[in-house]
Amino acid sequence: MLYSVWAPTTFTPYQRIPDFRRKRPIHTKFRVSASIPDTHGPKKEYTPWLIVGLGNPGNKYHGTRHNVGFEMIDSISQKEGIKLNTIQSRALIGIGSIGEVPILLAKPQTYMNFSGEAVGPLAAYYQVPLRHILLVYDEMSLPNGVMRVQPKGGHGHHNGLKSVMDHLDSCREFPRLCAGIGNPPGTMDQRAFLLQKFSIEERKQVNAALEQGVEAVRTLVMKGFDDGITRFNLGQKYKYHKVDLLPKRNTARNVKGERSTRN
């Protein structure tokens, strides 16, 4: 696969400069494209995706419920072999691809409530359309370990998501991958719950969900919102529920038969 990148030199290196950076005259317009050599026609080009996980930087917050967005980015990075080794626009980023589609992974280093200060500039710099900005974040309205992919939506009082929307001109028409973390038990303070680490059982559920989330991201990036995403959402919705497959009408017949026998 071939990659081509043109951009002003505004990168700040983190460990090392990625290999995709070219040593050539600087252009003012940026473009990313992934192409496959094709002897039968012109090369195919794909619109890049910006995939952002929300969380708080630092070891203090590692493994907490509020940082599950960061963990999703780490999982994608590991599975797809994309190194997060550059700081740009106050975010830790990595550039690579899923299949033939170029992607930019990002973990804002601004702290959760100011995530938009990183996402907005990155989206503008790389000229990524709203429909290709995928936000990954924790969601208390979903049970722990349950994920959901949506094409758009509001912020649901999530401060990180609200900040991103504020820096995208209040637009809400961008995809998001919600990772369920459940609700605080009893009268537990919400902030304390978000900054708490998962229990052993919860961690098992989250780890399994992260693997499933990587597959959902692959499907979305390569095929869009097709039947695969619908099946993923349906499977996640009922993953912890046992569904009774017996038709109700059979039960009704049995009851009717019992009544006739009694008569």
Protein backbone atom coordinates (compact mmCIF):
# COMPACT_ATOMS: atom_id res chain seq x y z
CA MET A 1 0.00 0.00 0.00
CA LEU A 2 1.20 3.49 -0.82
CA TYR A 3 0.64 6.61 1.26
CA SER A 4 0.98 10.23 0.34
CA VAL A 5 0.91 13.12 2.79
CA TRP A 6 1.36 16.86 2.27
CA ALA A 7 1.16 19.25 5.22
CA PRO A 8 2.77 22.28 6.90
CA THR A 9 5.41 21.25 9.39
CA THR A 10 3.41 21.75 12.59
CA PHE A 11 4.11 18.33 14.10
CA THR A 12 5.84 18.10 17.47
CA PRO A 13 7.67 14.75 17.66
CA TYR A 14 6.76 12.25 20.36
CA GLN A 15 9.58 9.71 20.59
CA ARG A 16 10.21 9.80 16.83
CA ILE A 17 8.82 11.23 13.61
CA PRO A 18 6.62 8.70 11.71
CA ASP A 19 8.03 7.23 8.51
CA PHE A 20 5.21 8.68 6.40
CA ARG A 21 6.57 12.21 6.62
CA ARG A 22 8.13 13.24 3.29
CA LYS A 23 11.14 15.45 2.84
CA ARG A 24 9.90 17.70 0.08
CA PRO A 25 8.82 21.33 -0.46
CA ILE A 26 6.04 22.35 1.92
CA HIS A 27 2.52 22.82 0.55
CA THR A 28 -0.27 24.77 2.24
CA LYS A 29 -2.96 22.20 1.53
CA PHE A 30 -3.13 18.87 3.33
CA ARG A 31 -4.29 15.60 1.83
CA VAL A 32 -4.06 11.97 2.94
CA SER A 33 -4.72 9.16 0.54
CA ALA A 34 -4.23 5.42 0.55
CA SER A 35 -3.88 3.67 -2.78
CA ILE A 36 -3.45 0.21 -4.18
CA PRO A 37 -1.42 -0.37 -7.33
CA ASP A 38 -3.85 -1.33 -10.08
CA THR A 39 -2.62 -2.32 -13.50
CA HIS A 40 -6.15 -2.24 -14.91
CA GLY A 41 -7.01 1.36 -14.10
CA PRO A 42 -6.40 4.42 -11.92
CA LYS A 43 -5.62 3.94 -8.24
CA LYS A 44 -8.44 4.10 -5.70
CA GLU A 45 -8.44 6.82 -3.08
CA TYR A 46 -10.28 6.77 0.23
CA THR A 47 -11.47 9.54 2.55
CA PRO A 48 -9.56 9.29 5.85
CA TRP A 49 -11.20 8.70 9.23
CA LEU A 50 -10.41 10.52 12.48
CA ILE A 51 -11.05 8.13 15.38
CA VAL A 52 -10.89 9.83 18.77
CA GLY A 53 -11.08 8.22 22.20
CA LEU A 54 -12.02 10.48 25.11
CA GLY A 55 -10.32 10.26 28.49
CA ASN A 56 -7.91 11.89 30.94
CA PRO A 57 -4.12 11.73 30.48
CA GLY A 58 -1.79 10.39 33.17
CA ASN A 59 -1.30 7.18 35.15
CA LYS A 60 -3.72 8.41 37.80
CA TYR A 61 -6.65 7.86 35.46
CA HIS A 62 -5.42 4.75 33.68
CA GLY A 63 -8.01 1.95 33.81
CA THR A 64 -10.81 4.10 35.20
CA ARG A 65 -14.36 4.05 33.82
CA HIS A 66 -14.02 7.53 32.36
CA ASN A 67 -11.00 6.42 30.29
CA VAL A 68 -12.57 3.55 28.37
CA GLY A 69 -12.37 5.73 25.23
CA PHE A 70 -8.58 5.79 25.56
CA GLU A 71 -8.57 2.00 25.96
CA MET A 72 -10.54 1.60 22.72
CA ILE A 73 -7.91 3.62 20.84
CA ASP A 74 -5.14 1.52 22.41
CA SER A 75 -6.93 -1.66 21.28
CA ILE A 76 -7.25 -0.41 17.70
CA SER A 77 -3.62 0.71 17.78
CA GLN A 78 -2.47 -2.74 18.88
CA LYS A 79 -4.69 -4.75 16.52
CA GLU A 80 -3.91 -2.63 13.45
CA GLY A 81 -0.22 -1.99 14.22
CA ILE A 82 -0.59 1.79 14.38
CA LYS A 83 1.90 3.49 16.70
CA LEU A 84 0.74 6.46 18.72
CA ASN A 85 3.99 8.41 18.64
CA THR A 86 3.25 12.03 17.72
CA ILE A 87 1.83 15.02 19.61
CA GLN A 88 -0.26 17.38 17.51
CA SER A 89 -2.98 19.85 18.45
CA ARG A 90 -2.73 18.76 22.10
CA ALA A 91 -3.41 15.13 21.24
CA LEU A 92 -1.38 11.93 21.05
CA ILE A 93 -1.90 10.65 17.51
CA GLY A 94 -0.96 7.84 15.17
CA ILE A 95 -1.50 7.50 11.42
CA GLY A 96 -2.08 4.21 9.64
CA SER A 97 -4.87 2.34 7.92
CA ILE A 98 -7.63 -0.23 8.33
CA GLY A 99 -7.60 -2.25 5.16
CA GLU A 100 -7.01 0.34 2.45
CA VAL A 101 -8.69 3.18 4.37
CA PRO A 102 -6.32 5.72 6.01
CA ILE A 103 -7.12 6.52 9.63
CA LEU A 104 -5.86 8.91 12.27
CA LEU A 105 -6.09 7.68 15.87
CA ALA A 106 -6.15 10.36 18.57
CA LYS A 107 -6.16 10.58 22.37
CA PRO A 108 -6.66 14.22 23.48
CA GLN A 109 -4.25 15.27 26.22
CA THR A 110 -6.43 18.21 27.31
CA TYR A 111 -8.37 16.37 30.03
CA MET A 112 -11.90 15.19 29.37
CA ASN A 113 -13.84 18.44 29.73
CA PHE A 114 -11.69 20.20 27.11
CA SER A 115 -11.45 17.41 24.52
CA GLY A 116 -12.84 19.65 21.80
CA GLU A 117 -9.72 21.82 21.94
CA ALA A 118 -7.87 18.89 20.37
CA VAL A 119 -10.57 17.35 18.17
CA GLY A 120 -11.66 20.56 16.46
CA PRO A 121 -8.17 21.58 15.24
CA LEU A 122 -7.33 18.01 14.15
CA ALA A 123 -10.52 17.71 12.11
CA ALA A 124 -9.86 21.08 10.47
CA TYR A 125 -6.17 20.42 9.84
CA TYR A 126 -6.75 17.05 8.18
CA GLN A 127 -9.95 18.22 6.46
CA VAL A 128 -11.92 15.25 7.75
CA PRO A 129 -15.67 15.46 7.03
CA LEU A 130 -18.07 15.15 9.98
CA ARG A 131 -19.33 11.77 8.76
CA HIS A 132 -15.78 10.38 9.19
CA ILE A 133 -15.14 11.63 12.73
CA LEU A 134 -15.73 8.69 15.08
CA LEU A 135 -15.84 9.55 18.78
CA VAL A 136 -15.41 6.81 21.39
CA TYR A 137 -16.49 7.54 24.97
CA ASP A 138 -17.97 6.05 28.15
CA GLU A 139 -21.75 5.92 28.50
CA MET A 140 -23.54 5.45 31.82
CA SER A 141 -26.94 4.82 30.20
CA LEU A 142 -25.62 1.49 28.85
CA PRO A 143 -24.86 -1.56 31.03
CA ASN A 144 -21.21 -2.25 31.70
CA GLY A 145 -19.52 -3.90 28.72
CA VAL A 146 -22.31 -3.11 26.25
CA MET A 147 -21.39 -1.03 23.19
CA ARG A 148 -23.45 0.88 20.64
CA VAL A 149 -22.59 2.56 17.32
CA GLN A 150 -24.65 5.61 16.34
CA PRO A 151 -24.49 7.83 13.23
CA LYS A 152 -25.25 10.99 15.23
CA GLY A 153 -26.76 12.25 18.48
CA GLY A 154 -26.59 14.79 21.29
CA HIS A 155 -24.07 15.08 24.11
CA GLY A 156 -26.26 13.48 26.80
CA HIS A 157 -24.65 15.67 29.48
CA HIS A 158 -21.25 14.10 28.75
CA ASN A 159 -18.81 16.98 29.23
CA GLY A 160 -16.18 15.58 26.88
CA LEU A 161 -18.70 15.04 24.11
CA LYS A 162 -20.20 18.47 24.72
CA SER A 163 -16.76 20.08 24.38
CA VAL A 164 -16.19 18.30 21.05
CA MET A 165 -19.55 19.46 19.71
CA ASP A 166 -18.80 23.04 20.80
CA HIS A 167 -15.58 22.94 18.72
CA LEU A 168 -17.35 21.44 15.70
CA ASP A 169 -19.71 24.42 15.37
CA SER A 170 -22.31 22.66 17.55
CA CYS A 171 -22.73 19.98 14.88
CA ARG A 172 -24.00 16.60 16.06
CA GLU A 173 -23.93 14.71 12.75
CA PHE A 174 -20.84 12.62 13.43
CA PRO A 175 -20.62 8.90 14.37
CA ARG A 176 -19.92 7.74 17.88
CA LEU A 177 -19.08 4.45 19.57
CA CYS A 178 -20.54 4.41 23.08
CA ALA A 179 -18.98 2.08 25.64
CA GLY A 180 -21.32 1.21 28.51
CA ILE A 181 -20.03 1.54 32.07
CA GLY A 182 -23.34 1.35 33.97
CA ASN A 183 -24.72 3.68 36.63
CA PRO A 184 -23.29 4.49 40.08
CA PRO A 185 -24.63 2.12 42.74
CA GLY A 186 -26.95 3.57 45.36
CA THR A 187 -26.15 7.16 46.26
CA MET A 188 -22.53 7.03 45.10
CA ASP A 189 -21.21 10.33 43.73
CA GLN A 190 -21.11 10.29 39.92
CA ARG A 191 -17.64 11.82 39.69
CA ALA A 192 -16.24 9.28 42.13
CA PHE A 193 -17.84 6.49 40.09
CA LEU A 194 -16.35 7.73 36.81
CA LEU A 195 -12.85 7.99 38.28
CA GLN A 196 -13.05 4.55 39.89
CA LYS A 197 -11.46 1.47 38.34
CA PHE A 198 -13.51 -1.51 37.21
CA SER A 199 -14.06 -4.52 39.44
CA ILE A 200 -12.59 -7.85 38.34
CA GLU A 201 -15.87 -9.00 36.78
CA GLU A 202 -16.49 -5.61 35.17
CA ARG A 203 -12.98 -5.61 33.73
CA LYS A 204 -13.63 -8.98 32.04
CA GLN A 205 -16.76 -7.56 30.44
CA VAL A 206 -14.98 -4.41 29.30
CA ASN A 207 -12.04 -6.32 27.81
CA ALA A 208 -14.42 -8.50 25.81
CA ALA A 209 -16.32 -5.41 24.67
CA LEU A 210 -13.12 -3.73 23.50
CA GLU A 211 -12.32 -6.66 21.22
CA GLN A 212 -15.84 -6.55 19.81
CA GLY A 213 -15.54 -2.78 19.43
CA VAL A 214 -12.43 -3.14 17.24
CA GLU A 215 -14.41 -5.34 14.85
CA ALA A 216 -17.24 -2.80 14.80
CA VAL A 217 -14.78 -0.02 13.96
CA ARG A 218 -13.33 -2.10 11.12
CA THR A 219 -16.82 -2.66 9.73
CA LEU A 220 -17.75 1.01 9.99
CA VAL A 221 -14.55 2.28 8.39
CA MET A 222 -14.59 -0.15 5.49
CA LYS A 223 -18.33 -0.54 4.84
CA GLY A 224 -20.12 2.32 6.60
CA PHE A 225 -23.43 1.92 8.42
CA ASP A 226 -24.43 -1.34 6.76
CA ASP A 227 -26.20 -4.46 8.06
CA GLY A 228 -23.02 -5.40 9.92
CA ILE A 229 -23.39 -2.42 12.25
CA THR A 230 -27.10 -3.19 12.74
CA ARG A 231 -26.24 -6.75 13.74
CA PHE A 232 -23.49 -5.51 16.05
CA ASN A 233 -25.87 -3.16 17.88
CA LEU A 234 -28.51 -5.87 18.18
CA GLY A 235 -26.01 -8.39 19.50
CA GLN A 236 -24.72 -5.89 22.05
CA LYS A 237 -28.22 -4.97 23.19
CA TYR A 238 -29.09 -8.56 24.09
CA LYS A 239 -25.64 -9.92 24.97
CA TYR A 240 -26.53 -10.32 28.66
CA HIS A 241 -30.16 -11.37 28.13
CA LYS A 242 -31.53 -14.84 27.51
CA VAL A 243 -34.18 -14.76 24.79
CA ASP A 244 -37.09 -17.23 25.00
CA LEU A 245 -37.38 -18.70 21.52
CA LEU A 246 -40.63 -20.60 22.18
CA PRO A 247 -43.58 -19.01 20.33
CA LYS A 248 -46.19 -17.65 22.73
CA ARG A 249 -49.02 -19.21 20.70
CA ASN A 250 -47.79 -22.70 21.67
CA THR A 251 -48.07 -21.78 25.33
CA ALA A 252 -51.59 -20.46 24.69
CA ARG A 253 -52.60 -23.74 23.04
CA ASN A 254 -51.30 -25.74 25.98
CA VAL A 255 -53.25 -23.61 28.41
CA LYS A 256 -56.40 -24.00 26.30
CA GLY A 257 -55.91 -27.78 26.18
CA GLU A 258 -55.53 -27.97 29.95
CA ARG A 259 -58.77 -26.04 30.38
CA SER A 260 -60.67 -28.38 28.00
CA THR A 261 -59.35 -31.44 29.85
CA ARG A 262 -60.56 -30.01 33.14
CA ASN A 263 -64.02 -29.51 31.64
